[in-house]
Amino acid sequence: VIGRGRRSGPLVECGIMQDVRISCHNAAARSTVLQRLREVARRVEEGEEQTLTFLVCEGLDDQTGVRLFGRYADMAAMRGVWKGVLGAFFMQSKDEVRAMEHRNYVPNGKGWLHRYA
């Protein structure tokens, strides 16, 4: 696991959660992707105040999977990370990444509603 959990302070509900599943071409490609994501996680931790949680995990199902989980204060904070460090990461990792899918979740007063964004 790479990244950090919630910052200290009062417990607040996030505005949006995101679960990203990345499939790499092979185990060597996953190793390269994880190495790059260490730097992404460090940069998010240092510079993204509205990112409440950002975790990178090796997939346990096979030797090619990677999962990202993020909790953000709002949609603007999530877009800022994607347009910044994550966007640059994906452009750099095009040759290693075979596929990517994601789901966003927003609060609806009764739990969490699955949304595509």
Protein backbone atom coordinates (compact mmCIF):
# COMPACT_ATOMS: atom_id res chain seq x y z
CA VAL A 1 0.00 0.00 0.00
CA ILE A 2 1.27 3.42 -0.98
CA GLY A 3 -0.32 6.69 0.12
CA ARG A 4 -2.07 8.06 3.14
CA GLY A 5 -5.38 8.00 4.91
CA ARG A 6 -7.45 10.84 6.27
CA ARG A 7 -5.65 13.86 7.63
CA SER A 8 -6.02 14.51 11.35
CA GLY A 9 -8.83 16.79 12.44
CA PRO A 10 -12.60 16.59 12.61
CA LEU A 11 -14.28 13.73 10.79
CA VAL A 12 -16.10 15.10 7.74
CA GLU A 13 -17.89 13.37 4.93
CA CYS A 14 -16.08 13.62 1.62
CA GLY A 15 -17.80 15.05 -1.43
CA ILE A 16 -16.77 12.22 -3.76
CA MET A 17 -14.96 8.88 -3.60
CA GLN A 18 -13.23 7.24 -6.53
CA ASP A 19 -12.16 3.62 -7.06
CA VAL A 20 -9.83 3.03 -10.04
CA ARG A 21 -8.74 -0.37 -11.34
CA ILE A 22 -5.69 -0.46 -13.60
CA SER A 23 -4.62 -3.55 -15.57
CA CYS A 24 -1.03 -3.65 -16.76
CA HIS A 25 0.37 -5.75 -19.60
CA ASN A 26 2.49 -7.95 -17.31
CA ALA A 27 4.15 -8.09 -13.88
CA ALA A 28 7.15 -6.02 -15.02
CA ALA A 29 4.84 -3.30 -16.31
CA ARG A 30 2.97 -3.32 -12.97
CA SER A 31 6.25 -2.87 -11.14
CA THR A 32 7.03 0.18 -13.28
CA VAL A 33 3.54 1.60 -12.73
CA LEU A 34 3.79 1.12 -8.96
CA GLN A 35 7.16 2.85 -8.89
CA ARG A 36 5.68 5.85 -10.72
CA LEU A 37 2.63 5.87 -8.45
CA ARG A 38 4.90 6.20 -5.38
CA GLU A 39 5.93 9.59 -6.72
CA VAL A 40 2.32 10.49 -7.54
CA ALA A 41 1.24 9.60 -3.98
CA ARG A 42 4.07 11.68 -2.52
CA ARG A 43 3.10 14.70 -4.65
CA VAL A 44 -0.59 14.35 -3.77
CA GLU A 45 0.26 14.12 -0.07
CA GLU A 46 2.43 17.23 -0.21
CA GLY A 47 0.31 19.45 -2.42
CA GLU A 48 -3.35 18.46 -2.49
CA GLU A 49 -5.05 19.76 0.66
CA GLN A 50 -8.53 18.80 -0.55
CA THR A 51 -7.53 15.15 -1.08
CA LEU A 52 -8.66 13.41 2.10
CA THR A 53 -7.40 9.90 1.23
CA PHE A 54 -5.19 8.64 -1.58
CA LEU A 55 -4.15 4.99 -1.58
CA VAL A 56 -2.40 2.82 -4.16
CA CYS A 57 -2.59 -0.96 -3.74
CA GLU A 58 -1.22 -3.91 -5.66
CA GLY A 59 -4.05 -6.01 -7.01
CA LEU A 60 -4.34 -9.37 -5.25
CA ASP A 61 -6.27 -11.13 -8.00
CA ASP A 62 -3.32 -11.42 -10.38
CA GLN A 63 0.17 -10.09 -11.07
CA THR A 64 -0.98 -7.24 -13.31
CA GLY A 65 -3.55 -5.29 -11.29
CA VAL A 66 -3.27 -2.00 -9.41
CA ARG A 67 -6.02 -0.20 -7.47
CA LEU A 68 -6.28 3.49 -6.61
CA PHE A 69 -8.72 4.77 -4.01
CA GLY A 70 -9.29 8.45 -3.41
CA ARG A 71 -11.55 10.51 -1.18
CA TYR A 72 -11.87 14.16 -2.14
CA ALA A 73 -13.54 17.18 -0.56
CA ASP A 74 -15.43 17.86 -3.80
CA MET A 75 -15.46 17.24 -7.55
CA ALA A 76 -13.12 20.17 -8.20
CA ALA A 77 -10.49 18.63 -5.92
CA MET A 78 -10.74 15.28 -7.74
CA ARG A 79 -10.47 16.95 -11.14
CA GLY A 80 -7.45 18.91 -9.95
CA VAL A 81 -5.60 15.69 -9.10
CA TRP A 82 -6.59 14.10 -12.42
CA LYS A 83 -5.59 17.13 -14.48
CA GLY A 84 -2.34 17.42 -12.55
CA VAL A 85 -0.25 14.55 -11.24
CA LEU A 86 -2.50 11.64 -12.29
CA GLY A 87 -2.96 12.96 -15.82
CA ALA A 88 0.80 13.25 -16.21
CA PHE A 89 1.24 9.76 -14.76
CA PHE A 90 -1.17 8.17 -17.27
CA MET A 91 0.45 9.94 -20.22
CA GLN A 92 3.83 8.62 -19.06
CA SER A 93 2.48 5.09 -18.47
CA LYS A 94 0.56 4.51 -21.71
CA ASP A 95 2.84 1.65 -22.76
CA GLU A 96 2.50 -0.22 -19.44
CA VAL A 97 -1.27 0.19 -18.88
CA ARG A 98 -3.51 -2.23 -20.77
CA ALA A 99 -6.84 -1.00 -19.41
CA MET A 100 -8.35 1.23 -16.76
CA GLU A 101 -11.84 1.56 -15.30
CA HIS A 102 -13.20 3.65 -12.48
CA ARG A 103 -16.30 4.34 -10.43
CA ASN A 104 -17.15 7.51 -8.58
CA TYR A 105 -19.44 7.59 -5.57
CA VAL A 106 -21.26 10.63 -4.19
CA PRO A 107 -23.32 10.95 -0.99
CA ASN A 108 -27.09 11.06 -1.47
CA GLY A 109 -28.28 11.38 2.14
CA LYS A 110 -28.98 7.64 2.43
CA GLY A 111 -25.58 6.17 1.66
CA TRP A 112 -23.46 6.42 -1.45
CA LEU A 113 -24.79 6.71 -4.99
CA HIS A 114 -22.71 5.27 -7.83
CA ARG A 115 -22.12 7.86 -10.55
CA TYR A 116 -20.06 8.01 -13.71
CA ALA A 117 -18.11 11.22 -14.05
